[in-house]
Amino acid sequence: MISNLRIKRKRWINRKRRLRKRIVGTPERPRLSVFRSSRHIYAQVIDDDSGQVLAAASTLEKEMRVAVKGLKKTEAAEKIGIALAERCLKKEIQKVVFDRNGFSFHGRVAKVADAAREKGLKF
């Protein structure tokens, strides 16, 4: 018998593959990918042509752990969006393509996107 978690993961992978067919990061407009686990949230800006990560932020980084300690997960996601946008703007990346990575666009995923938009990223 297949467990419920296995079925959920398979569905998530299928959604992710469907999205990635259409969403591609280029040097002019890299892809902002968001991944959320039960405890942490990760965001990275990727140039798919060269396969390089141009900027990244997550709740696992030392300075971010201190910044998000005691906050709710949605508030921590907002901090990650702000940090990532600042790092992108330092590297003169202003336009990105948002990749929600198979997750619903609400909650923590939406908070990352909204915070990055408010800080100046365009997508």
C-alpha atoms as a PDB file:
ATOM      1  CA  MET A   1       0.000   0.000   0.000  1.00  0.00           C
ATOM      2  CA  ILE A   2       1.318   3.436  -0.960  1.00  0.00           C
ATOM      3  CA  SER A   3       1.443   5.940   1.871  1.00  0.00           C
ATOM      4  CA  ASN A   4      -0.386   9.242   1.749  1.00  0.00           C
ATOM      5  CA  LEU A   5       2.884  11.205   1.952  1.00  0.00           C
ATOM      6  CA  ARG A   6       4.224   9.405  -1.107  1.00  0.00           C
ATOM      7  CA  ILE A   7       1.118  10.334  -3.091  1.00  0.00           C
ATOM      8  CA  LYS A   8       1.354  13.981  -1.958  1.00  0.00           C
ATOM      9  CA  ARG A   9       5.027  14.152  -2.940  1.00  0.00           C
ATOM     10  CA  LYS A  10       4.313  12.636  -6.351  1.00  0.00           C
ATOM     11  CA  ARG A  11       1.557  15.190  -6.989  1.00  0.00           C
ATOM     12  CA  TRP A  12       3.874  18.021  -5.925  1.00  0.00           C
ATOM     13  CA  ILE A  13       6.604  16.781  -8.297  1.00  0.00           C
ATOM     14  CA  ASN A  14       4.096  16.608 -11.166  1.00  0.00           C
ATOM     15  CA  ARG A  15       2.927  20.191 -10.497  1.00  0.00           C
ATOM     16  CA  LYS A  16       6.546  21.314 -10.323  1.00  0.00           C
ATOM     17  CA  ARG A  17       7.369  19.677 -13.682  1.00  0.00           C
ATOM     18  CA  ARG A  18       4.336  21.240 -15.352  1.00  0.00           C
ATOM     19  CA  LEU A  19       5.400  24.691 -14.200  1.00  0.00           C
ATOM     20  CA  ARG A  20       9.049  24.251 -15.154  1.00  0.00           C
ATOM     21  CA  LYS A  21       8.089  23.492 -18.761  1.00  0.00           C
ATOM     22  CA  ARG A  22       7.003  27.119 -19.113  1.00  0.00           C
ATOM     23  CA  ILE A  23       9.210  28.996 -16.642  1.00  0.00           C
ATOM     24  CA  VAL A  24      12.837  29.480 -17.689  1.00  0.00           C
ATOM     25  CA  GLY A  25      15.404  31.844 -16.221  1.00  0.00           C
ATOM     26  CA  THR A  26      17.638  33.755 -18.629  1.00  0.00           C
ATOM     27  CA  PRO A  27      20.620  36.025 -17.910  1.00  0.00           C
ATOM     28  CA  GLU A  28      18.386  39.087 -18.505  1.00  0.00           C
ATOM     29  CA  ARG A  29      15.508  37.694 -16.422  1.00  0.00           C
ATOM     30  CA  PRO A  30      16.598  34.948 -13.996  1.00  0.00           C
ATOM     31  CA  ARG A  31      14.181  32.637 -12.186  1.00  0.00           C
ATOM     32  CA  LEU A  32      13.278  33.280  -8.538  1.00  0.00           C
ATOM     33  CA  SER A  33      12.556  29.839  -7.104  1.00  0.00           C
ATOM     34  CA  VAL A  34      10.950  29.340  -3.690  1.00  0.00           C
ATOM     35  CA  PHE A  35      10.994  26.129  -1.674  1.00  0.00           C
ATOM     36  CA  ARG A  36       9.277  25.674   1.641  1.00  0.00           C
ATOM     37  CA  SER A  37       9.670  22.853   4.106  1.00  0.00           C
ATOM     38  CA  SER A  38       7.741  22.426   7.311  1.00  0.00           C
ATOM     39  CA  ARG A  39      10.248  24.558   9.256  1.00  0.00           C
ATOM     40  CA  HIS A  40      12.270  26.602   6.784  1.00  0.00           C
ATOM     41  CA  ILE A  41      11.930  28.584   3.586  1.00  0.00           C
ATOM     42  CA  TYR A  42      14.524  28.926   0.845  1.00  0.00           C
ATOM     43  CA  ALA A  43      14.606  31.325  -2.103  1.00  0.00           C
ATOM     44  CA  GLN A  44      17.163  31.570  -4.867  1.00  0.00           C
ATOM     45  CA  VAL A  45      17.627  33.428  -8.126  1.00  0.00           C
ATOM     46  CA  ILE A  46      18.871  31.120 -10.885  1.00  0.00           C
ATOM     47  CA  ASP A  47      20.189  31.658 -14.403  1.00  0.00           C
ATOM     48  CA  ASP A  48      19.061  28.460 -16.151  1.00  0.00           C
ATOM     49  CA  ASP A  49      21.242  29.068 -19.225  1.00  0.00           C
ATOM     50  CA  SER A  50      24.466  28.774 -17.237  1.00  0.00           C
ATOM     51  CA  GLY A  51      22.967  26.736 -14.376  1.00  0.00           C
ATOM     52  CA  GLN A  52      24.248  29.162 -11.732  1.00  0.00           C
ATOM     53  CA  VAL A  53      22.643  30.480  -8.584  1.00  0.00           C
ATOM     54  CA  LEU A  54      23.029  34.264  -8.665  1.00  0.00           C
ATOM     55  CA  ALA A  55      21.598  35.046  -5.213  1.00  0.00           C
ATOM     56  CA  ALA A  56      20.044  33.054  -2.400  1.00  0.00           C
ATOM     57  CA  ALA A  57      18.506  33.469   1.045  1.00  0.00           C
ATOM     58  CA  SER A  58      17.116  31.001   3.553  1.00  0.00           C
ATOM     59  CA  THR A  59      16.142  30.739   7.195  1.00  0.00           C
ATOM     60  CA  LEU A  60      19.114  28.418   7.745  1.00  0.00           C
ATOM     61  CA  GLU A  61      21.745  31.162   7.326  1.00  0.00           C
ATOM     62  CA  LYS A  62      23.372  32.299  10.557  1.00  0.00           C
ATOM     63  CA  GLU A  63      22.340  35.959  10.332  1.00  0.00           C
ATOM     64  CA  MET A  64      18.828  35.048   9.180  1.00  0.00           C
ATOM     65  CA  ARG A  65      18.375  32.549  12.019  1.00  0.00           C
ATOM     66  CA  VAL A  66      18.991  35.367  14.477  1.00  0.00           C
ATOM     67  CA  ALA A  67      16.702  37.735  12.555  1.00  0.00           C
ATOM     68  CA  VAL A  68      13.764  35.297  12.375  1.00  0.00           C
ATOM     69  CA  LYS A  69      14.051  33.778  15.840  1.00  0.00           C
ATOM     70  CA  GLY A  70      10.692  34.006  17.584  1.00  0.00           C
ATOM     71  CA  LEU A  71       8.813  35.094  14.449  1.00  0.00           C
ATOM     72  CA  LYS A  72       5.943  33.255  12.796  1.00  0.00           C
ATOM     73  CA  LYS A  73       6.759  31.329   9.619  1.00  0.00           C
ATOM     74  CA  THR A  74       4.987  33.866   7.391  1.00  0.00           C
ATOM     75  CA  GLU A  75       6.928  36.716   9.004  1.00  0.00           C
ATOM     76  CA  ALA A  76      10.178  34.808   8.475  1.00  0.00           C
ATOM     77  CA  ALA A  77       9.241  34.297   4.818  1.00  0.00           C
ATOM     78  CA  GLU A  78       8.763  38.040   4.472  1.00  0.00           C
ATOM     79  CA  LYS A  79      12.283  38.635   5.856  1.00  0.00           C
ATOM     80  CA  ILE A  80      13.684  36.128   3.337  1.00  0.00           C
ATOM     81  CA  GLY A  81      11.973  37.974   0.474  1.00  0.00           C
ATOM     82  CA  ILE A  82      13.445  41.277   1.633  1.00  0.00           C
ATOM     83  CA  ALA A  83      16.951  39.821   2.042  1.00  0.00           C
ATOM     84  CA  LEU A  84      16.851  38.174  -1.383  1.00  0.00           C
ATOM     85  CA  ALA A  85      15.646  41.355  -3.090  1.00  0.00           C
ATOM     86  CA  GLU A  86      18.441  43.374  -1.472  1.00  0.00           C
ATOM     87  CA  ARG A  87      21.040  40.828  -2.628  1.00  0.00           C
ATOM     88  CA  CYS A  88      19.631  40.872  -6.159  1.00  0.00           C
ATOM     89  CA  LEU A  89      19.616  44.651  -6.350  1.00  0.00           C
ATOM     90  CA  LYS A  90      23.271  44.731  -5.210  1.00  0.00           C
ATOM     91  CA  LYS A  91      24.093  42.485  -8.174  1.00  0.00           C
ATOM     92  CA  GLU A  92      21.987  44.724 -10.454  1.00  0.00           C
ATOM     93  CA  ILE A  93      19.271  42.103 -11.000  1.00  0.00           C
ATOM     94  CA  GLN A  94      15.961  43.948 -11.203  1.00  0.00           C
ATOM     95  CA  LYS A  95      13.671  41.695 -13.252  1.00  0.00           C
ATOM     96  CA  VAL A  96      12.985  38.049 -12.423  1.00  0.00           C
ATOM     97  CA  VAL A  97      10.532  35.314 -13.320  1.00  0.00           C
ATOM     98  CA  PHE A  98       8.741  33.905 -10.256  1.00  0.00           C
ATOM     99  CA  ASP A  99       8.748  30.113  -9.841  1.00  0.00           C
ATOM    100  CA  ARG A 100       6.432  28.977  -7.057  1.00  0.00           C
ATOM    101  CA  ASN A 101       7.915  25.479  -7.442  1.00  0.00           C
ATOM    102  CA  GLY A 102       4.607  23.591  -7.407  1.00  0.00           C
ATOM    103  CA  PHE A 103       3.360  25.219  -4.200  1.00  0.00           C
ATOM    104  CA  SER A 104       0.156  27.245  -4.008  1.00  0.00           C
ATOM    105  CA  PHE A 105       0.681  30.983  -4.326  1.00  0.00           C
ATOM    106  CA  HIS A 106      -0.488  31.885  -0.841  1.00  0.00           C
ATOM    107  CA  GLY A 107       0.871  31.909   2.674  1.00  0.00           C
ATOM    108  CA  ARG A 108       4.657  31.792   2.922  1.00  0.00           C
ATOM    109  CA  VAL A 109       5.256  31.592  -0.837  1.00  0.00           C
ATOM    110  CA  ALA A 110       3.145  34.699  -1.443  1.00  0.00           C
ATOM    111  CA  LYS A 111       4.858  36.559   1.426  1.00  0.00           C
ATOM    112  CA  VAL A 112       8.288  35.975  -0.164  1.00  0.00           C
ATOM    113  CA  ALA A 113       7.005  37.283  -3.497  1.00  0.00           C
ATOM    114  CA  ASP A 114       5.249  40.317  -2.012  1.00  0.00           C
ATOM    115  CA  ALA A 115       8.255  41.316   0.098  1.00  0.00           C
ATOM    116  CA  ALA A 116      10.603  41.003  -2.887  1.00  0.00           C
ATOM    117  CA  ARG A 117       8.247  43.140  -4.999  1.00  0.00           C
ATOM    118  CA  GLU A 118       8.046  45.816  -2.297  1.00  0.00           C
ATOM    119  CA  LYS A 119      11.842  45.967  -2.100  1.00  0.00           C
ATOM    120  CA  GLY A 120      12.108  46.636  -5.837  1.00  0.00           C
ATOM    121  CA  LEU A 121      12.226  43.358  -7.770  1.00  0.00           C
ATOM    122  CA  LYS A 122       9.952  43.312 -10.809  1.00  0.00           C
ATOM    123  CA  PHE A 123       7.983  40.206 -11.830  1.00  0.00           C
END
